[in-house]
Amino acid sequence: MDHINDANNSNQYGAEVAQKELVIGFFSTRNLENYSLYQSLALDLYRSITFFRTYGKVDKFVEAHPDFTEYRDDIEELWLEFEQMSDEELAEVSIRILADL
């Protein structure tokens, strides 16, 4: 049984790394200074959804990104909203954001 748990943990870790690389790659190709306030807010929402879907728990996210520790309460509040949405709804919002950019 341990080998199954190890494989699941390894797959989850690999998915987190792949997701993080995808997001970093996407944003590194953008010139963020040219974005409007709406676009900047949309990018922040997209990042938030991506991190929510990748990490699932605020503790896990803050552990991986300690710079966000002071924003923990805000993150928890936002993620509570995301928890009310289905995976399909979160995906649809993400796709709309990317289409707008």
N, C-alpha and C. Protein backbone atom coordinates (compact mmCIF):
# COMPACT_ATOMS: atom_id res chain seq x y z
N MET A 1 0.80 -1.18 0.00
CA MET A 1 0.00 0.00 0.00
C MET A 1 0.85 1.26 0.00
N ASP A 2 1.99 1.21 0.67
CA ASP A 2 2.84 2.40 0.72
C ASP A 2 3.29 2.83 -0.67
N HIS A 3 3.57 1.85 -1.54
CA HIS A 3 4.02 2.22 -2.89
C HIS A 3 2.92 2.95 -3.66
N ILE A 4 1.65 2.64 -3.37
CA ILE A 4 0.55 3.35 -4.02
C ILE A 4 0.49 4.79 -3.50
N ASN A 5 0.61 4.96 -2.19
CA ASN A 5 0.61 6.31 -1.62
C ASN A 5 1.80 7.11 -2.12
N ASP A 6 2.96 6.47 -2.21
CA ASP A 6 4.15 7.16 -2.73
C ASP A 6 3.93 7.60 -4.17
N ALA A 7 3.32 6.73 -4.98
CA ALA A 7 3.06 7.06 -6.38
C ALA A 7 2.07 8.21 -6.48
N ASN A 8 1.02 8.19 -5.66
CA ASN A 8 0.04 9.27 -5.67
C ASN A 8 0.67 10.59 -5.25
N ASN A 9 1.49 10.57 -4.21
CA ASN A 9 2.18 11.78 -3.76
C ASN A 9 3.12 12.30 -4.84
N SER A 10 3.82 11.38 -5.49
CA SER A 10 4.74 11.76 -6.56
C SER A 10 3.99 12.38 -7.73
N ASN A 11 2.85 11.77 -8.11
CA ASN A 11 2.05 12.31 -9.21
C ASN A 11 1.49 13.68 -8.87
N GLN A 12 1.03 13.85 -7.63
CA GLN A 12 0.50 15.15 -7.22
C GLN A 12 1.61 16.20 -7.22
N TYR A 13 2.78 15.83 -6.71
CA TYR A 13 3.91 16.77 -6.71
C TYR A 13 4.28 17.13 -8.14
N GLY A 14 4.33 16.14 -9.03
CA GLY A 14 4.65 16.40 -10.43
C GLY A 14 3.63 17.32 -11.07
N ALA A 15 2.35 17.15 -10.74
CA ALA A 15 1.30 18.01 -11.28
C ALA A 15 1.46 19.44 -10.77
N GLU A 16 1.82 19.58 -9.49
CA GLU A 16 2.03 20.92 -8.93
C GLU A 16 3.19 21.62 -9.60
N VAL A 17 4.27 20.90 -9.82
CA VAL A 17 5.44 21.48 -10.48
C VAL A 17 5.09 21.87 -11.91
N ALA A 18 4.40 21.00 -12.63
CA ALA A 18 4.02 21.30 -14.01
C ALA A 18 3.10 22.52 -14.07
N GLN A 19 2.14 22.59 -13.14
CA GLN A 19 1.22 23.73 -13.12
C GLN A 19 1.96 25.02 -12.82
N LYS A 20 2.87 24.95 -11.85
CA LYS A 20 3.64 26.15 -11.49
C LYS A 20 4.49 26.60 -12.68
N GLU A 21 5.13 25.68 -13.37
CA GLU A 21 5.95 26.04 -14.52
C GLU A 21 5.11 26.64 -15.64
N LEU A 22 3.91 26.10 -15.83
CA LEU A 22 3.01 26.62 -16.85
C LEU A 22 2.63 28.06 -16.54
N VAL A 23 2.25 28.33 -15.29
CA VAL A 23 1.86 29.67 -14.89
C VAL A 23 3.03 30.64 -14.99
N ILE A 24 4.19 30.23 -14.49
CA ILE A 24 5.38 31.08 -14.55
C ILE A 24 5.74 31.37 -16.00
N GLY A 25 5.70 30.35 -16.85
CA GLY A 25 6.00 30.53 -18.27
C GLY A 25 5.03 31.49 -18.94
N PHE A 26 3.75 31.35 -18.61
CA PHE A 26 2.74 32.23 -19.20
C PHE A 26 2.99 33.68 -18.82
N PHE A 27 3.20 33.93 -17.53
CA PHE A 27 3.35 35.30 -17.07
C PHE A 27 4.72 35.89 -17.41
N SER A 28 5.72 35.07 -17.59
CA SER A 28 7.03 35.60 -17.94
C SER A 28 7.07 36.11 -19.38
N THR A 29 6.12 35.68 -20.20
CA THR A 29 6.09 36.14 -21.59
C THR A 29 5.25 37.41 -21.75
N ARG A 30 4.65 37.87 -20.67
CA ARG A 30 3.78 39.04 -20.73
C ARG A 30 4.52 40.28 -20.25
N ASN A 31 4.25 41.40 -20.90
CA ASN A 31 4.76 42.69 -20.43
C ASN A 31 3.67 43.31 -19.56
N LEU A 32 3.74 43.04 -18.27
CA LEU A 32 2.66 43.41 -17.35
C LEU A 32 2.47 44.91 -17.22
N GLU A 33 3.47 45.72 -17.54
CA GLU A 33 3.32 47.15 -17.43
C GLU A 33 2.31 47.72 -18.42
N ASN A 34 2.05 47.00 -19.50
CA ASN A 34 1.13 47.46 -20.52
C ASN A 34 -0.32 47.05 -20.24
N TYR A 35 -0.57 46.38 -19.12
CA TYR A 35 -1.91 45.92 -18.81
C TYR A 35 -2.71 47.02 -18.12
N SER A 36 -4.01 47.05 -18.41
CA SER A 36 -4.92 47.97 -17.73
C SER A 36 -5.20 47.43 -16.33
N LEU A 37 -5.89 48.23 -15.53
CA LEU A 37 -6.25 47.79 -14.19
C LEU A 37 -7.12 46.53 -14.26
N TYR A 38 -8.08 46.52 -15.20
CA TYR A 38 -8.94 45.34 -15.36
C TYR A 38 -8.10 44.11 -15.68
N GLN A 39 -7.18 44.25 -16.61
CA GLN A 39 -6.36 43.11 -17.00
C GLN A 39 -5.48 42.64 -15.85
N SER A 40 -4.95 43.58 -15.08
CA SER A 40 -4.13 43.21 -13.92
C SER A 40 -4.95 42.45 -12.89
N LEU A 41 -6.17 42.93 -12.63
CA LEU A 41 -7.06 42.24 -11.69
C LEU A 41 -7.46 40.86 -12.23
N ALA A 42 -7.68 40.79 -13.53
CA ALA A 42 -8.03 39.50 -14.15
C ALA A 42 -6.87 38.52 -14.01
N LEU A 43 -5.65 39.00 -14.21
CA LEU A 43 -4.48 38.14 -14.05
C LEU A 43 -4.36 37.64 -12.61
N ASP A 44 -4.62 38.53 -11.65
CA ASP A 44 -4.57 38.12 -10.25
C ASP A 44 -5.62 37.06 -9.95
N LEU A 45 -6.81 37.23 -10.51
CA LEU A 45 -7.86 36.23 -10.31
C LEU A 45 -7.47 34.90 -10.95
N TYR A 46 -6.90 34.97 -12.14
CA TYR A 46 -6.45 33.74 -12.81
C TYR A 46 -5.39 33.03 -11.97
N ARG A 47 -4.43 33.78 -11.47
CA ARG A 47 -3.39 33.18 -10.62
C ARG A 47 -4.01 32.56 -9.38
N SER A 48 -4.96 33.26 -8.76
CA SER A 48 -5.60 32.76 -7.56
C SER A 48 -6.32 31.44 -7.82
N ILE A 49 -7.04 31.37 -8.92
CA ILE A 49 -7.73 30.13 -9.28
C ILE A 49 -6.73 29.02 -9.52
N THR A 50 -5.66 29.34 -10.22
CA THR A 50 -4.63 28.34 -10.52
C THR A 50 -4.00 27.81 -9.24
N PHE A 51 -3.66 28.70 -8.32
CA PHE A 51 -3.08 28.26 -7.06
C PHE A 51 -4.08 27.47 -6.23
N PHE A 52 -5.33 27.88 -6.23
CA PHE A 52 -6.37 27.15 -5.51
C PHE A 52 -6.48 25.72 -6.05
N ARG A 53 -6.50 25.59 -7.36
CA ARG A 53 -6.64 24.27 -7.97
C ARG A 53 -5.38 23.43 -7.79
N THR A 54 -4.24 24.08 -7.73
CA THR A 54 -2.98 23.36 -7.58
C THR A 54 -2.74 22.90 -6.15
N TYR A 55 -2.97 23.79 -5.20
CA TYR A 55 -2.61 23.48 -3.80
C TYR A 55 -3.79 22.98 -2.98
N GLY A 56 -5.00 23.45 -3.24
CA GLY A 56 -6.18 22.96 -2.55
C GLY A 56 -6.36 23.45 -1.13
N LYS A 57 -5.29 23.68 -0.43
CA LYS A 57 -5.36 24.14 0.96
C LYS A 57 -4.45 25.35 1.14
N VAL A 58 -4.95 26.33 1.88
CA VAL A 58 -4.20 27.56 2.11
C VAL A 58 -2.88 27.25 2.81
N ASP A 59 -2.91 26.34 3.79
CA ASP A 59 -1.68 25.99 4.52
C ASP A 59 -0.59 25.53 3.56
N LYS A 60 -0.97 24.67 2.64
CA LYS A 60 -0.02 24.13 1.68
C LYS A 60 0.54 25.23 0.77
N PHE A 61 -0.35 26.13 0.34
CA PHE A 61 0.07 27.24 -0.52
C PHE A 61 1.03 28.17 0.21
N VAL A 62 0.69 28.57 1.42
CA VAL A 62 1.52 29.49 2.19
C VAL A 62 2.86 28.85 2.53
N GLU A 63 2.85 27.55 2.79
CA GLU A 63 4.11 26.84 3.06
C GLU A 63 5.03 26.90 1.83
N ALA A 64 4.44 26.75 0.66
CA ALA A 64 5.23 26.78 -0.58
C ALA A 64 5.61 28.20 -0.99
N HIS A 65 4.81 29.18 -0.55
CA HIS A 65 5.03 30.58 -0.93
C HIS A 65 4.95 31.46 0.32
N PRO A 66 5.98 31.45 1.15
CA PRO A 66 5.94 32.18 2.42
C PRO A 66 5.75 33.70 2.27
N ASP A 67 6.02 34.26 1.08
CA ASP A 67 5.83 35.71 0.90
C ASP A 67 4.35 36.10 1.06
N PHE A 68 3.45 35.12 0.95
CA PHE A 68 2.02 35.39 1.03
C PHE A 68 1.46 35.23 2.44
N THR A 69 2.32 34.97 3.42
CA THR A 69 1.86 34.73 4.78
C THR A 69 1.01 35.88 5.31
N GLU A 70 1.42 37.11 5.04
CA GLU A 70 0.66 38.26 5.57
C GLU A 70 -0.70 38.42 4.89
N TYR A 71 -0.92 37.75 3.77
CA TYR A 71 -2.20 37.83 3.05
C TYR A 71 -3.07 36.61 3.30
N ARG A 72 -2.70 35.80 4.26
CA ARG A 72 -3.38 34.53 4.53
C ARG A 72 -4.90 34.70 4.69
N ASP A 73 -5.34 35.68 5.46
CA ASP A 73 -6.77 35.88 5.69
C ASP A 73 -7.50 36.18 4.38
N ASP A 74 -6.90 37.02 3.54
CA ASP A 74 -7.51 37.35 2.26
C ASP A 74 -7.58 36.12 1.35
N ILE A 75 -6.53 35.34 1.37
CA ILE A 75 -6.49 34.12 0.55
C ILE A 75 -7.56 33.15 1.02
N GLU A 76 -7.67 32.96 2.32
CA GLU A 76 -8.69 32.05 2.86
C GLU A 76 -10.09 32.50 2.46
N GLU A 77 -10.34 33.79 2.53
CA GLU A 77 -11.65 34.32 2.16
C GLU A 77 -11.96 34.07 0.68
N LEU A 78 -10.99 34.33 -0.16
CA LEU A 78 -11.17 34.10 -1.60
C LEU A 78 -11.35 32.62 -1.91
N TRP A 79 -10.55 31.78 -1.28
CA TRP A 79 -10.63 30.35 -1.54
C TRP A 79 -11.93 29.75 -1.04
N LEU A 80 -12.53 30.34 -0.01
CA LEU A 80 -13.86 29.89 0.43
C LEU A 80 -14.88 30.12 -0.69
N GLU A 81 -14.72 31.23 -1.40
CA GLU A 81 -15.59 31.49 -2.55
C GLU A 81 -15.35 30.45 -3.65
N PHE A 82 -14.11 30.15 -3.92
CA PHE A 82 -13.78 29.16 -4.95
C PHE A 82 -14.34 27.79 -4.60
N GLU A 83 -14.35 27.45 -3.30
CA GLU A 83 -14.86 26.14 -2.88
C GLU A 83 -16.34 25.98 -3.19
N GLN A 84 -17.06 27.10 -3.34
CA GLN A 84 -18.48 27.05 -3.67
C GLN A 84 -18.72 26.78 -5.16
N MET A 85 -17.64 26.85 -5.94
CA MET A 85 -17.74 26.68 -7.39
C MET A 85 -17.30 25.27 -7.78
N SER A 86 -17.87 24.76 -8.85
CA SER A 86 -17.46 23.46 -9.37
C SER A 86 -16.16 23.60 -10.15
N ASP A 87 -15.52 22.49 -10.43
CA ASP A 87 -14.30 22.52 -11.25
C ASP A 87 -14.60 23.11 -12.62
N GLU A 88 -15.77 22.78 -13.16
CA GLU A 88 -16.14 23.30 -14.48
C GLU A 88 -16.31 24.81 -14.45
N GLU A 89 -16.92 25.34 -13.39
CA GLU A 89 -17.09 26.79 -13.27
C GLU A 89 -15.75 27.50 -13.14
N LEU A 90 -14.85 26.93 -12.34
CA LEU A 90 -13.52 27.53 -12.20
C LEU A 90 -12.77 27.50 -13.53
N ALA A 91 -12.89 26.41 -14.25
CA ALA A 91 -12.24 26.30 -15.56
C ALA A 91 -12.82 27.31 -16.54
N GLU A 92 -14.13 27.49 -16.50
CA GLU A 92 -14.77 28.44 -17.40
C GLU A 92 -14.31 29.88 -17.11
N VAL A 93 -14.23 30.23 -15.84
CA VAL A 93 -13.74 31.57 -15.48
C VAL A 93 -12.30 31.75 -15.97
N SER A 94 -11.46 30.73 -15.76
CA SER A 94 -10.06 30.81 -16.21
C SER A 94 -9.97 30.98 -17.71
N ILE A 95 -10.77 30.25 -18.44
CA ILE A 95 -10.74 30.35 -19.91
C ILE A 95 -11.21 31.73 -20.36
N ARG A 96 -12.24 32.26 -19.72
CA ARG A 96 -12.72 33.61 -20.08
C ARG A 96 -11.63 34.66 -19.84
N ILE A 97 -10.94 34.52 -18.70
CA ILE A 97 -9.87 35.48 -18.38
C ILE A 97 -8.79 35.42 -19.44
N LEU A 98 -8.35 34.22 -19.79
CA LEU A 98 -7.29 34.08 -20.79
C LEU A 98 -7.75 34.61 -22.14
N ALA A 99 -9.01 34.39 -22.49
CA ALA A 99 -9.54 34.89 -23.77
C ALA A 99 -9.53 36.41 -23.80
N ASP A 100 -9.80 37.04 -22.65
CA ASP A 100 -9.81 38.51 -22.57
C ASP A 100 -8.44 39.13 -22.67
N LEU A 101 -7.43 38.35 -22.36
CA LEU A 101 -6.07 38.89 -22.36
C LEU A 101 -5.51 38.79 -23.76
